[in-house]
PDB file of N, CA and C in Angstrom:
ATOM      1  N   MET A   1       0.192  35.236  23.647  1.00  0.00           N
ATOM      2  CA  MET A   1       0.943  33.916  23.052  1.00  0.00           C
ATOM      3  C   MET A   1      -0.279  32.994  23.713  1.00  0.00           C
ATOM      4  N   PRO A   2      -0.612  31.950  22.988  1.00  0.00           N
ATOM      5  CA  PRO A   2      -1.782  31.243  23.020  1.00  0.00           C
ATOM      6  C   PRO A   2      -1.394  30.768  24.435  1.00  0.00           C
ATOM      7  N   PRO A   3      -2.302  29.440  24.492  1.00  0.00           N
ATOM      8  CA  PRO A   3      -1.763  28.305  26.045  1.00  0.00           C
ATOM      9  C   PRO A   3      -1.308  27.506  25.124  1.00  0.00           C
ATOM     10  N   PRO A   4      -0.618  26.464  25.573  1.00  0.00           N
ATOM     11  CA  PRO A   4       0.338  25.610  24.812  1.00  0.00           C
ATOM     12  C   PRO A   4      -0.818  24.248  24.408  1.00  0.00           C
ATOM     13  N   ASP A   5      -1.890  24.063  24.919  1.00  0.00           N
ATOM     14  CA  ASP A   5      -2.796  23.427  24.789  1.00  0.00           C
ATOM     15  C   ASP A   5      -3.713  23.496  23.597  1.00  0.00           C
ATOM     16  N   ASP A   6      -3.682  25.228  22.862  1.00  0.00           N
ATOM     17  CA  ASP A   6      -4.015  25.415  21.839  1.00  0.00           C
ATOM     18  C   ASP A   6      -2.965  26.097  20.588  1.00  0.00           C
ATOM     19  N   ASP A   7      -1.779  26.035  20.932  1.00  0.00           N
ATOM     20  CA  ASP A   7      -0.734  25.879  19.851  1.00  0.00           C
ATOM     21  C   ASP A   7      -0.550  25.039  18.550  1.00  0.00           C
ATOM     22  N   PRO A   8      -0.965  25.578  17.799  1.00  0.00           N
ATOM     23  CA  PRO A   8      -1.326  24.335  16.416  1.00  0.00           C
ATOM     24  C   PRO A   8      -0.177  23.788  16.183  1.00  0.00           C
ATOM     25  N   LEU A   9       1.255  24.526  16.347  1.00  0.00           N
ATOM     26  CA  LEU A   9       2.170  23.611  16.406  1.00  0.00           C
ATOM     27  C   LEU A   9       2.629  22.692  17.213  1.00  0.00           C
ATOM     28  N   ALA A  10       2.194  22.920  17.958  1.00  0.00           N
ATOM     29  CA  ALA A  10       2.294  21.721  19.091  1.00  0.00           C
ATOM     30  C   ALA A  10       1.263  20.756  19.022  1.00  0.00           C
ATOM     31  N   GLN A  11       0.274  21.094  18.591  1.00  0.00           N
ATOM     32  CA  GLN A  11      -0.795  19.995  17.811  1.00  0.00           C
ATOM     33  C   GLN A  11      -0.090  19.327  16.636  1.00  0.00           C
ATOM     34  N   LEU A  12       0.501  20.069  15.595  1.00  0.00           N
ATOM     35  CA  LEU A  12       0.802  18.911  14.320  1.00  0.00           C
ATOM     36  C   LEU A  12       1.771  18.349  14.703  1.00  0.00           C
ATOM     37  N   ARG A  13       2.792  19.089  15.783  1.00  0.00           N
ATOM     38  CA  ARG A  13       4.104  17.849  16.183  1.00  0.00           C
ATOM     39  C   ARG A  13       3.640  16.949  16.474  1.00  0.00           C
ATOM     40  N   ASP A  14       2.419  16.781  17.193  1.00  0.00           N
ATOM     41  CA  ASP A  14       1.916  15.679  18.282  1.00  0.00           C
ATOM     42  C   ASP A  14       1.208  14.592  16.569  1.00  0.00           C
ATOM     43  N   ARG A  15       0.448  14.916  16.193  1.00  0.00           N
ATOM     44  CA  ARG A  15      -0.023  14.784  15.009  1.00  0.00           C
ATOM     45  C   ARG A  15       1.155  14.363  14.111  1.00  0.00           C
ATOM     46  N   ILE A  16       1.993  14.263  13.563  1.00  0.00           N
ATOM     47  CA  ILE A  16       3.210  14.090  13.070  1.00  0.00           C
ATOM     48  C   ILE A  16       3.937  13.043  13.741  1.00  0.00           C
ATOM     49  N   ARG A  17       4.113  12.957  15.158  1.00  0.00           N
ATOM     50  CA  ARG A  17       4.927  12.100  16.101  1.00  0.00           C
ATOM     51  C   ARG A  17       4.021  10.888  15.927  1.00  0.00           C
ATOM     52  N   ALA A  18       2.538  11.151  16.272  1.00  0.00           N
ATOM     53  CA  ALA A  18       1.763   9.740  15.744  1.00  0.00           C
ATOM     54  C   ALA A  18       1.875   9.069  14.800  1.00  0.00           C
ATOM     55  N   THR A  19       1.476  10.124  13.574  1.00  0.00           N
ATOM     56  CA  THR A  19       1.821   9.475  12.767  1.00  0.00           C
ATOM     57  C   THR A  19       3.467   8.847  11.862  1.00  0.00           C
ATOM     58  N   GLN A  20       4.595   9.121  12.865  1.00  0.00           N
ATOM     59  CA  GLN A  20       5.613   8.527  12.188  1.00  0.00           C
ATOM     60  C   GLN A  20       5.763   7.329  13.347  1.00  0.00           C
ATOM     61  N   ASP A  21       5.480   7.348  14.134  1.00  0.00           N
ATOM     62  CA  ASP A  21       4.664   5.751  15.386  1.00  0.00           C
ATOM     63  C   ASP A  21       4.390   4.972  14.508  1.00  0.00           C
ATOM     64  N   ALA A  22       3.055   5.122  14.044  1.00  0.00           N
ATOM     65  CA  ALA A  22       2.176   4.414  13.218  1.00  0.00           C
ATOM     66  C   ALA A  22       2.700   4.017  12.173  1.00  0.00           C
ATOM     67  N   ALA A  23       3.680   4.755  11.344  1.00  0.00           N
ATOM     68  CA  ALA A  23       4.666   4.381  10.552  1.00  0.00           C
ATOM     69  C   ALA A  23       5.714   3.127  10.271  1.00  0.00           C
ATOM     70  N   SER A  24       6.403   3.611  11.700  1.00  0.00           N
ATOM     71  CA  SER A  24       7.419   3.039  12.005  1.00  0.00           C
ATOM     72  C   SER A  24       6.417   1.779  12.453  1.00  0.00           C
ATOM     73  N   LYS A  25       5.937   1.347  13.388  1.00  0.00           N
ATOM     74  CA  LYS A  25       4.857   0.264  13.456  1.00  0.00           C
ATOM     75  C   LYS A  25       4.434  -0.455  12.773  1.00  0.00           C
ATOM     76  N   LEU A  26       3.732   0.308  11.339  1.00  0.00           N
ATOM     77  CA  LEU A  26       3.525  -0.553   9.967  1.00  0.00           C
ATOM     78  C   LEU A  26       4.651  -1.177   9.722  1.00  0.00           C
ATOM     79  N   ALA A  27       5.754  -0.631   9.328  1.00  0.00           N
ATOM     80  CA  ALA A  27       7.107  -0.985   8.946  1.00  0.00           C
ATOM     81  C   ALA A  27       7.266  -2.684   9.370  1.00  0.00           C
ATOM     82  N   GLY A  28       7.617  -1.865  10.877  1.00  0.00           N
ATOM     83  CA  GLY A  28       8.273  -3.221  11.321  1.00  0.00           C
ATOM     84  C   GLY A  28       7.338  -4.340  11.545  1.00  0.00           C
ATOM     85  N   GLU A  29       5.907  -4.378  11.380  1.00  0.00           N
ATOM     86  CA  GLU A  29       4.904  -5.832  11.014  1.00  0.00           C
ATOM     87  C   GLU A  29       5.210  -6.048   9.287  1.00  0.00           C
ATOM     88  N   ALA A  30       5.325  -5.082   9.182  1.00  0.00           N
ATOM     89  CA  ALA A  30       5.687  -5.718   7.193  1.00  0.00           C
ATOM     90  C   ALA A  30       7.132  -6.197   7.031  1.00  0.00           C
ATOM     91  N   ALA A  31       8.087  -5.771   7.935  1.00  0.00           N
ATOM     92  CA  ALA A  31       8.776  -6.672   8.078  1.00  0.00           C
ATOM     93  C   ALA A  31       8.932  -7.855   8.602  1.00  0.00           C
ATOM     94  N   ARG A  32       8.200  -7.825  10.028  1.00  0.00           N
ATOM     95  CA  ARG A  32       8.129  -9.142  10.576  1.00  0.00           C
ATOM     96  C   ARG A  32       7.716 -10.070   9.606  1.00  0.00           C
ATOM     97  N   ALA A  33       6.072  -9.737   8.916  1.00  0.00           N
ATOM     98  CA  ALA A  33       5.374 -10.678   8.492  1.00  0.00           C
ATOM     99  C   ALA A  33       6.067 -11.145   7.086  1.00  0.00           C
ATOM    100  N   ARG A  34       7.029 -10.613   6.454  1.00  0.00           N
ATOM    101  CA  ARG A  34       8.038 -11.013   5.345  1.00  0.00           C
ATOM    102  C   ARG A  34       9.009 -12.122   5.260  1.00  0.00           C
ATOM    103  N   ALA A  35       9.482 -11.909   7.219  1.00  0.00           N
ATOM    104  CA  ALA A  35      10.526 -12.438   7.756  1.00  0.00           C
ATOM    105  C   ALA A  35       9.436 -13.857   7.875  1.00  0.00           C
ATOM    106  N   ALA A  36       8.274 -13.966   8.575  1.00  0.00           N
ATOM    107  CA  ALA A  36       8.134 -15.530   8.640  1.00  0.00           C
ATOM    108  C   ALA A  36       6.846 -15.743   6.994  1.00  0.00           C
ATOM    109  N   GLU A  37       6.465 -17.014   7.207  1.00  0.00           N
ATOM    110  CA  GLU A  37       5.446 -17.459   6.106  1.00  0.00           C
ATOM    111  C   GLU A  37       4.263 -17.310   6.600  1.00  0.00           C
ATOM    112  N   THR A  38       3.854 -16.425   5.910  1.00  0.00           N
ATOM    113  CA  THR A  38       2.333 -15.735   6.167  1.00  0.00           C
ATOM    114  C   THR A  38       1.702 -16.801   5.325  1.00  0.00           C
ATOM    115  N   PRO A  39       0.510 -17.310   6.040  1.00  0.00           N
ATOM    116  CA  PRO A  39      -0.511 -17.980   5.053  1.00  0.00           C
ATOM    117  C   PRO A  39      -1.696 -17.581   4.170  1.00  0.00           C
ATOM    118  N   GLU A  40      -2.361 -18.524   3.490  1.00  0.00           N
ATOM    119  CA  GLU A  40      -3.197 -17.638   2.485  1.00  0.00           C
ATOM    120  C   GLU A  40      -4.269 -16.808   3.275  1.00  0.00           C
ATOM    121  N   ALA A  41      -4.940 -15.854   2.843  1.00  0.00           N
ATOM    122  CA  ALA A  41      -6.283 -15.501   3.355  1.00  0.00           C
ATOM    123  C   ALA A  41      -6.803 -15.722   4.071  1.00  0.00           C
ATOM    124  N   GLY A  42      -7.843 -17.228   2.940  1.00  0.00           N
ATOM    125  CA  GLY A  42      -8.825 -18.258   3.220  1.00  0.00           C
ATOM    126  C   GLY A  42      -7.982 -18.849   5.105  1.00  0.00           C
ATOM    127  N   TRP A  43      -6.871 -18.694   5.039  1.00  0.00           N
ATOM    128  CA  TRP A  43      -5.996 -19.664   6.357  1.00  0.00           C
ATOM    129  C   TRP A  43      -5.700 -18.557   7.194  1.00  0.00           C
ATOM    130  N   ALA A  44      -6.241 -17.408   7.262  1.00  0.00           N
ATOM    131  CA  ALA A  44      -5.664 -16.160   8.081  1.00  0.00           C
ATOM    132  C   ALA A  44      -6.682 -16.442   9.408  1.00  0.00           C
ATOM    133  N   SER A  45      -6.294 -15.791  10.300  1.00  0.00           N
ATOM    134  CA  SER A  45      -6.967 -15.573  11.813  1.00  0.00           C
ATOM    135  C   SER A  45      -7.168 -14.893  11.876  1.00  0.00           C
ATOM    136  N   PRO A  46      -8.190 -15.126  12.737  1.00  0.00           N
ATOM    137  CA  PRO A  46      -8.593 -13.249  12.850  1.00  0.00           C
ATOM    138  C   PRO A  46      -7.703 -12.078  13.774  1.00  0.00           C
ATOM    139  N   HIS A  47      -6.691 -12.846  14.184  1.00  0.00           N
ATOM    140  CA  HIS A  47      -5.542 -12.089  14.880  1.00  0.00           C
ATOM    141  C   HIS A  47      -4.934 -11.433  13.148  1.00  0.00           C
ATOM    142  N   GLU A  48      -4.781 -11.951  12.593  1.00  0.00           N
ATOM    143  CA  GLU A  48      -3.890 -11.553  11.098  1.00  0.00           C
ATOM    144  C   GLU A  48      -5.084 -10.560  10.561  1.00  0.00           C
ATOM    145  N   HIS A  49      -6.594 -11.039  10.387  1.00  0.00           N
ATOM    146  CA  HIS A  49      -7.428 -10.171   9.938  1.00  0.00           C
ATOM    147  C   HIS A  49      -7.415  -8.648  10.536  1.00  0.00           C
ATOM    148  N   ALA A  50      -7.509  -8.815  11.993  1.00  0.00           N
ATOM    149  CA  ALA A  50      -7.426  -7.296  12.961  1.00  0.00           C
ATOM    150  C   ALA A  50      -5.946  -6.843  12.301  1.00  0.00           C
ATOM    151  N   GLN A  51      -5.062  -7.688  12.424  1.00  0.00           N
ATOM    152  CA  GLN A  51      -3.740  -6.769  12.302  1.00  0.00           C
ATOM    153  C   GLN A  51      -3.774  -6.178  10.556  1.00  0.00           C
ATOM    154  N   ARG A  52      -4.051  -6.792   9.610  1.00  0.00           N
ATOM    155  CA  ARG A  52      -4.332  -5.947   8.235  1.00  0.00           C
ATOM    156  C   ARG A  52      -5.266  -4.727   8.334  1.00  0.00           C
ATOM    157  N   THR A  53      -6.469  -4.743   8.834  1.00  0.00           N
ATOM    158  CA  THR A  53      -7.337  -3.956   9.396  1.00  0.00           C
ATOM    159  C   THR A  53      -6.166  -2.558  10.264  1.00  0.00           C
ATOM    160  N   GLU A  54      -5.635  -2.994  10.850  1.00  0.00           N
ATOM    161  CA  GLU A  54      -4.630  -1.718  11.331  1.00  0.00           C
ATOM    162  C   GLU A  54      -4.278  -1.386  10.847  1.00  0.00           C
ATOM    163  N   GLU A  55      -3.659  -2.258   9.777  1.00  0.00           N
ATOM    164  CA  GLU A  55      -2.248  -1.184   9.034  1.00  0.00           C
ATOM    165  C   GLU A  55      -2.877  -0.576   7.853  1.00  0.00           C
ATOM    166  N   VAL A  56      -4.310  -0.860   7.047  1.00  0.00           N
ATOM    167  CA  VAL A  56      -4.723   0.287   6.218  1.00  0.00           C
ATOM    168  C   VAL A  56      -5.456   1.075   7.261  1.00  0.00           C
ATOM    169  N   ARG A  57      -5.431   1.283   8.645  1.00  0.00           N
ATOM    170  CA  ARG A  57      -6.133   2.359   9.243  1.00  0.00           C
ATOM    171  C   ARG A  57      -5.246   3.324   9.232  1.00  0.00           C
ATOM    172  N   ALA A  58      -3.472   2.701   9.852  1.00  0.00           N
ATOM    173  CA  ALA A  58      -2.382   3.163   9.829  1.00  0.00           C
ATOM    174  C   ALA A  58      -2.299   3.925   8.774  1.00  0.00           C
ATOM    175  N   LEU A  59      -2.590   3.530   7.562  1.00  0.00           N
ATOM    176  CA  LEU A  59      -2.047   4.382   6.303  1.00  0.00           C
ATOM    177  C   LEU A  59      -2.977   5.586   6.032  1.00  0.00           C
ATOM    178  N   VAL A  60      -4.235   4.925   6.662  1.00  0.00           N
ATOM    179  CA  VAL A  60      -5.308   6.779   5.958  1.00  0.00           C
ATOM    180  C   VAL A  60      -4.746   7.060   6.840  1.00  0.00           C
ATOM    181  N   THR A  61      -4.689   7.176   8.064  1.00  0.00           N
ATOM    182  CA  THR A  61      -3.959   8.176   9.471  1.00  0.00           C
ATOM    183  C   THR A  61      -3.409   8.766   8.554  1.00  0.00           C
ATOM    184  N   LEU A  62      -1.889   8.012   8.062  1.00  0.00           N
ATOM    185  CA  LEU A  62      -0.912   9.039   7.595  1.00  0.00           C
ATOM    186  C   LEU A  62      -1.389   9.822   6.537  1.00  0.00           C
ATOM    187  N   LEU A  63      -2.281   9.561   5.543  1.00  0.00           N
ATOM    188  CA  LEU A  63      -2.786   9.907   4.480  1.00  0.00           C
ATOM    189  C   LEU A  63      -3.417  11.343   4.803  1.00  0.00           C
ATOM    190  N   GLU A  64      -4.436  11.401   5.712  1.00  0.00           N
ATOM    191  CA  GLU A  64      -4.835  12.225   6.622  1.00  0.00           C
ATOM    192  C   GLU A  64      -4.078  13.143   7.005  1.00  0.00           C
ATOM    193  N   SER A  65      -3.250  13.086   7.537  1.00  0.00           N
ATOM    194  CA  SER A  65      -2.540  13.738   8.180  1.00  0.00           C
ATOM    195  C   SER A  65      -1.403  14.742   7.576  1.00  0.00           C
ATOM    196  N   PHE A  66      -0.824  14.196   6.150  1.00  0.00           N
ATOM    197  CA  PHE A  66      -0.188  14.635   5.054  1.00  0.00           C
ATOM    198  C   PHE A  66      -0.926  15.766   4.791  1.00  0.00           C
ATOM    199  N   ARG A  67      -2.826  15.132   4.043  1.00  0.00           N
ATOM    200  CA  ARG A  67      -3.654  16.131   3.765  1.00  0.00           C
ATOM    201  C   ARG A  67      -3.332  17.089   4.835  1.00  0.00           C
ATOM    202  N   GLU A  68      -4.023  16.770   5.778  1.00  0.00           N
ATOM    203  CA  GLU A  68      -3.729  18.617   7.064  1.00  0.00           C
ATOM    204  C   GLU A  68      -2.385  19.603   6.799  1.00  0.00           C
ATOM    205  N   LEU A  69      -1.386  18.886   6.289  1.00  0.00           N
ATOM    206  CA  LEU A  69      -0.235  19.664   5.844  1.00  0.00           C
ATOM    207  C   LEU A  69      -0.333  20.665   4.567  1.00  0.00           C
ATOM    208  N   ILE A  70      -0.880  20.238   4.102  1.00  0.00           N
ATOM    209  CA  ILE A  70      -0.763  20.960   2.571  1.00  0.00           C
ATOM    210  C   ILE A  70      -2.044  22.096   2.504  1.00  0.00           C
ATOM    211  N   PRO A  71      -1.576  23.268   2.359  1.00  0.00           N
ATOM    212  CA  PRO A  71      -1.992  24.282   2.187  1.00  0.00           C
ATOM    213  C   PRO A  71      -3.482  24.146   1.661  1.00  0.00           C
ATOM    214  N   GLU A  72      -4.592  24.557   1.714  1.00  0.00           N
ATOM    215  CA  GLU A  72      -5.998  24.951   1.245  1.00  0.00           C
ATOM    216  C   GLU A  72      -5.471  24.909  -0.674  1.00  0.00           C
ATOM    217  N   ASP A  73      -5.097  25.846  -0.975  1.00  0.00           N
ATOM    218  CA  ASP A  73      -4.673  26.257  -2.676  1.00  0.00           C
ATOM    219  C   ASP A  73      -4.335  24.644  -2.949  1.00  0.00           C
ATOM    220  N   LEU A  74      -3.671  23.908  -2.393  1.00  0.00           N
ATOM    221  CA  LEU A  74      -3.324  22.683  -3.164  1.00  0.00           C
ATOM    222  C   LEU A  74      -3.804  21.437  -2.878  1.00  0.00           C
ATOM    223  N   ILE A  75      -5.002  21.678  -2.018  1.00  0.00           N
ATOM    224  CA  ILE A  75      -5.768  20.426  -1.933  1.00  0.00           C
ATOM    225  C   ILE A  75      -6.124  19.369  -3.229  1.00  0.00           C
ATOM    226  N   ASP A  76      -7.370  20.458  -3.879  1.00  0.00           N
ATOM    227  CA  ASP A  76      -7.521  20.002  -5.196  1.00  0.00           C
ATOM    228  C   ASP A  76      -6.148  18.813  -6.137  1.00  0.00           C
ATOM    229  N   GLN A  77      -5.077  19.454  -6.023  1.00  0.00           N
ATOM    230  CA  GLN A  77      -3.994  18.993  -6.886  1.00  0.00           C
ATOM    231  C   GLN A  77      -3.254  17.428  -5.780  1.00  0.00           C
ATOM    232  N   PHE A  78      -3.484  17.679  -4.468  1.00  0.00           N
ATOM    233  CA  PHE A  78      -3.525  16.419  -3.926  1.00  0.00           C
ATOM    234  C   PHE A  78      -4.316  15.491  -4.085  1.00  0.00           C
ATOM    235  N   ARG A  79      -5.886  15.769  -4.239  1.00  0.00           N
ATOM    236  CA  ARG A  79      -6.695  15.205  -4.163  1.00  0.00           C
ATOM    237  C   ARG A  79      -7.153  14.249  -5.839  1.00  0.00           C
ATOM    238  N   ASP A  80      -6.294  14.881  -6.527  1.00  0.00           N
ATOM    239  CA  ASP A  80      -6.352  14.862  -7.958  1.00  0.00           C
ATOM    240  C   ASP A  80      -4.698  13.384  -8.355  1.00  0.00           C
ATOM    241  N   LEU A  81      -4.045  13.916  -7.609  1.00  0.00           N
ATOM    242  CA  LEU A  81      -3.041  12.989  -7.139  1.00  0.00           C
ATOM    243  C   LEU A  81      -3.168  11.710  -6.413  1.00  0.00           C
ATOM    244  N   VAL A  82      -3.613  11.700  -5.812  1.00  0.00           N
ATOM    245  CA  VAL A  82      -4.176  10.679  -4.992  1.00  0.00           C
ATOM    246  C   VAL A  82      -5.323   9.660  -6.144  1.00  0.00           C
ATOM    247  N   ARG A  83      -6.310  10.252  -6.726  1.00  0.00           N
ATOM    248  CA  ARG A  83      -6.912   9.501  -7.513  1.00  0.00           C
ATOM    249  C   ARG A  83      -6.120   9.191  -8.676  1.00  0.00           C
ATOM    250  N   GLN A  84      -5.293   9.725  -8.916  1.00  0.00           N
ATOM    251  CA  GLN A  84      -4.170   9.084  -9.855  1.00  0.00           C
ATOM    252  C   GLN A  84      -3.794   7.892  -9.316  1.00  0.00           C
ATOM    253  N   LEU A  85      -3.313   7.674  -8.020  1.00  0.00           N
ATOM    254  CA  LEU A  85      -2.410   6.987  -8.048  1.00  0.00           C
ATOM    255  C   LEU A  85      -3.308   5.712  -8.217  1.00  0.00           C
ATOM    256  N   LEU A  86      -4.780   6.096  -6.863  1.00  0.00           N
ATOM    257  CA  LEU A  86      -5.598   5.501  -7.069  1.00  0.00           C
ATOM    258  C   LEU A  86      -5.819   3.978  -8.026  1.00  0.00           C
ATOM    259  N   LEU A  87      -6.051   4.982  -9.185  1.00  0.00           N
ATOM    260  CA  LEU A  87      -6.481   4.665 -10.634  1.00  0.00           C
ATOM    261  C   LEU A  87      -5.456   3.882 -11.223  1.00  0.00           C
ATOM    262  N   LEU A  88      -3.870   3.883 -11.037  1.00  0.00           N
ATOM    263  CA  LEU A  88      -3.170   3.445 -11.458  1.00  0.00           C
ATOM    264  C   LEU A  88      -3.148   1.655 -10.491  1.00  0.00           C
ATOM    265  N   LEU A  89      -3.027   1.500  -9.120  1.00  0.00           N
ATOM    266  CA  LEU A  89      -3.579   0.186  -8.528  1.00  0.00           C
ATOM    267  C   LEU A  89      -4.477  -0.408  -9.108  1.00  0.00           C
ATOM    268  N   ARG A  90      -5.301   0.013  -9.486  1.00  0.00           N
ATOM    269  CA  ARG A  90      -6.539  -0.428  -9.619  1.00  0.00           C
ATOM    270  C   ARG A  90      -6.249  -1.117 -11.061  1.00  0.00           C
ATOM    271  N   ALA A  91      -5.590  -0.221 -12.182  1.00  0.00           N
ATOM    272  CA  ALA A  91      -4.861  -0.888 -12.765  1.00  0.00           C
ATOM    273  C   ALA A  91      -4.250  -2.387 -13.310  1.00  0.00           C
ATOM    274  N   LEU A  92      -3.339  -2.080 -12.122  1.00  0.00           N
ATOM    275  CA  LEU A  92      -2.359  -2.975 -11.953  1.00  0.00           C
ATOM    276  C   LEU A  92      -3.038  -4.176 -11.397  1.00  0.00           C
ATOM    277  N   ILE A  93      -4.143  -4.042 -10.424  1.00  0.00           N
ATOM    278  CA  ILE A  93      -4.747  -5.526  -9.989  1.00  0.00           C
ATOM    279  C   ILE A  93      -5.310  -6.239 -11.178  1.00  0.00           C
ATOM    280  N   ASP A  94      -6.044  -5.003 -12.144  1.00  0.00           N
ATOM    281  CA  ASP A  94      -6.896  -5.446 -13.556  1.00  0.00           C
ATOM    282  C   ASP A  94      -5.812  -6.377 -14.271  1.00  0.00           C
ATOM    283  N   TRP A  95      -4.285  -5.585 -14.471  1.00  0.00           N
ATOM    284  CA  TRP A  95      -3.683  -6.436 -15.583  1.00  0.00           C
ATOM    285  C   TRP A  95      -3.298  -8.077 -14.355  1.00  0.00           C
ATOM    286  N   TRP A  96      -3.007  -7.599 -13.776  1.00  0.00           N
ATOM    287  CA  TRP A  96      -2.481  -8.994 -12.691  1.00  0.00           C
ATOM    288  C   TRP A  96      -3.653 -10.058 -12.955  1.00  0.00           C
ATOM    289  N   VAL A  97      -5.256  -9.780 -12.530  1.00  0.00           N
ATOM    290  CA  VAL A  97      -5.699 -10.744 -12.425  1.00  0.00           C
ATOM    291  C   VAL A  97      -6.326 -11.128 -14.156  1.00  0.00           C
ATOM    292  N   ASP A  98      -5.899 -10.576 -15.033  1.00  0.00           N
ATOM    293  CA  ASP A  98      -6.207 -10.693 -16.247  1.00  0.00           C
ATOM    294  C   ASP A  98      -5.254 -11.801 -16.641  1.00  0.00           C
ATOM    295  N   ARG A  99      -3.634 -11.156 -16.077  1.00  0.00           N
ATOM    296  CA  ARG A  99      -2.699 -12.323 -16.613  1.00  0.00           C
ATOM    297  C   ARG A  99      -3.035 -13.745 -16.015  1.00  0.00           C
ATOM    298  N   MET A 100      -3.772 -13.749 -14.411  1.00  0.00           N
ATOM    299  CA  MET A 100      -4.021 -14.942 -13.843  1.00  0.00           C
ATOM    300  C   MET A 100      -4.825 -15.765 -14.451  1.00  0.00           C
ATOM    301  N   ASP A 101      -5.869 -15.534 -14.940  1.00  0.00           N
ATOM    302  CA  ASP A 101      -6.977 -15.841 -15.380  1.00  0.00           C
ATOM    303  C   ASP A 101      -6.296 -16.662 -17.310  1.00  0.00           C
ATOM    304  N   THR A 102      -5.799 -16.204 -17.941  1.00  0.00           N
ATOM    305  CA  THR A 102      -4.696 -16.711 -19.338  1.00  0.00           C
ATOM    306  C   THR A 102      -4.261 -17.337 -18.799  1.00  0.00           C
ATOM    307  N   PRO A 103      -4.515 -18.997 -19.431  1.00  0.00           N
ATOM    308  CA  PRO A 103      -3.523 -19.906 -19.100  1.00  0.00           C
ATOM    309  C   PRO A 103      -2.145 -20.282 -19.584  1.00  0.00           C
ATOM    310  N   ALA A 104      -1.364 -20.840 -18.948  1.00  0.00           N
ATOM    311  CA  ALA A 104       0.254 -20.296 -19.105  1.00  0.00           C
ATOM    312  C   ALA A 104       0.390 -20.769 -20.492  1.00  0.00           C
ATOM    313  N   ARG A 105       1.815 -20.643 -20.820  1.00  0.00           N
ATOM    314  CA  ARG A 105       1.995 -21.573 -22.742  1.00  0.00           C
ATOM    315  C   ARG A 105       2.440 -22.645 -22.145  1.00  0.00           C
ATOM    316  N   SER A 106       3.194 -23.046 -20.842  1.00  0.00           N
ATOM    317  CA  SER A 106       3.365 -24.292 -20.922  1.00  0.00           C
ATOM    318  C   SER A 106       2.299 -25.613 -21.116  1.00  0.00           C
ATOM    319  N   SER A 107       1.412 -24.605 -21.162  1.00  0.00           N
ATOM    320  CA  SER A 107      -0.054 -26.228 -21.011  1.00  0.00           C
ATOM    321  C   SER A 107      -0.572 -26.572 -21.662  1.00  0.00           C
ATOM    322  N   GLY A 108       0.593 -26.502 -23.112  1.00  0.00           N
ATOM    323  CA  GLY A 108      -0.021 -26.784 -24.515  1.00  0.00           C
ATOM    324  C   GLY A 108      -0.814 -26.339 -24.897  1.00  0.00           C
ATOM    325  N   GLY A 109      -0.942 -25.178 -25.381  1.00  0.00           N
ATOM    326  CA  GLY A 109      -1.633 -24.186 -26.225  1.00  0.00           C
ATOM    327  C   GLY A 109      -0.909 -23.702 -27.388  1.00  0.00           C
ATOM    328  N   ASN A 110      -1.246 -22.693 -28.123  1.00  0.00           N
ATOM    329  CA  ASN A 110      -0.338 -22.047 -29.000  1.00  0.00           C
ATOM    330  C   ASN A 110       1.082 -21.851 -28.829  1.00  0.00           C
ATOM    331  N   GLU A 111       1.762 -23.022 -28.658  1.00  0.00           N
ATOM    332  CA  GLU A 111       3.416 -22.498 -28.182  1.00  0.00           C
ATOM    333  C   GLU A 111       3.529 -22.263 -29.829  1.00  0.00           C
ATOM    334  N   PRO A 112       5.129 -21.252 -29.621  1.00  0.00           N
ATOM    335  CA  PRO A 112       6.279 -21.143 -30.813  1.00  0.00           C
ATOM    336  C   PRO A 112       6.897 -22.096 -31.025  1.00  0.00           C
ATOM    337  N   PRO A 113       6.756 -22.703 -32.701  1.00  0.00           N
ATOM    338  CA  PRO A 113       7.990 -23.814 -32.816  1.00  0.00           C
ATOM    339  C   PRO A 113       8.836 -23.448 -32.300  1.00  0.00           C
ATOM    340  N   VAL A 114       9.615 -24.495 -32.137  1.00  0.00           N
ATOM    341  CA  VAL A 114      10.788 -24.847 -31.553  1.00  0.00           C
ATOM    342  C   VAL A 114      11.944 -25.044 -32.537  1.00  0.00           C
ATOM    343  N   GLN A 115      13.293 -24.403 -32.851  1.00  0.00           N
ATOM    344  CA  GLN A 115      14.051 -25.059 -33.776  1.00  0.00           C
ATOM    345  C   GLN A 115      15.263 -25.339 -33.105  1.00  0.00           C
ATOM    346  N   ASP A 116      16.234 -26.372 -32.998  1.00  0.00           N
ATOM    347  CA  ASP A 116      17.511 -26.535 -32.479  1.00  0.00           C
ATOM    348  C   ASP A 116      18.562 -26.039 -33.409  1.00  0.00           C
ATOM    349  N   ILE A 117      19.558 -25.169 -32.785  1.00  0.00           N
ATOM    350  CA  ILE A 117      20.715 -24.070 -33.261  1.00  0.00           C
ATOM    351  C   ILE A 117      21.598 -24.669 -33.150  1.00  0.00           C
ATOM    352  N   PRO A 118      22.440 -25.464 -34.054  1.00  0.00           N
ATOM    353  CA  PRO A 118      24.093 -25.821 -33.254  1.00  0.00           C
ATOM    354  C   PRO A 118      24.811 -24.833 -32.726  1.00  0.00           C
ATOM    355  N   ILE A 119      25.695 -25.456 -31.986  1.00  0.00           N
ATOM    356  CA  ILE A 119      26.900 -24.300 -31.404  1.00  0.00           C
ATOM    357  C   ILE A 119      27.921 -24.520 -32.334  1.00  0.00           C
ATOM    358  N   ALA A 120      28.604 -23.769 -32.662  1.00  0.00           N
ATOM    359  CA  ALA A 120      29.562 -24.612 -33.734  1.00  0.00           C
ATOM    360  C   ALA A 120      31.128 -24.151 -33.294  1.00  0.00           C
TER     361      ALA A 120
END
């Protein structure tokens, strides 16, 4: 039996526990941020920037821990899945930016004609 320090299952448990702690911390911070009114990024303090950086690091740590749990033969499929998710996120961001760039309909552009319909 290997010494307790070299036990791979114990190391895995420790990593999972650390990942769970980081995810719990991240969820708590997200809940507090939603509850409080958060200023725009231009008004964010250095502390808020550091906090966001920690959140991204926690997410990356979670993904790395998850990747280490995956068997070797599924690594390529996991990599493809993450790539597809990132492409989806990129498409959503592009769509959102395109919507922000187009003027609103109420700004006097080509509005559809409005017709009153009598209600009897």
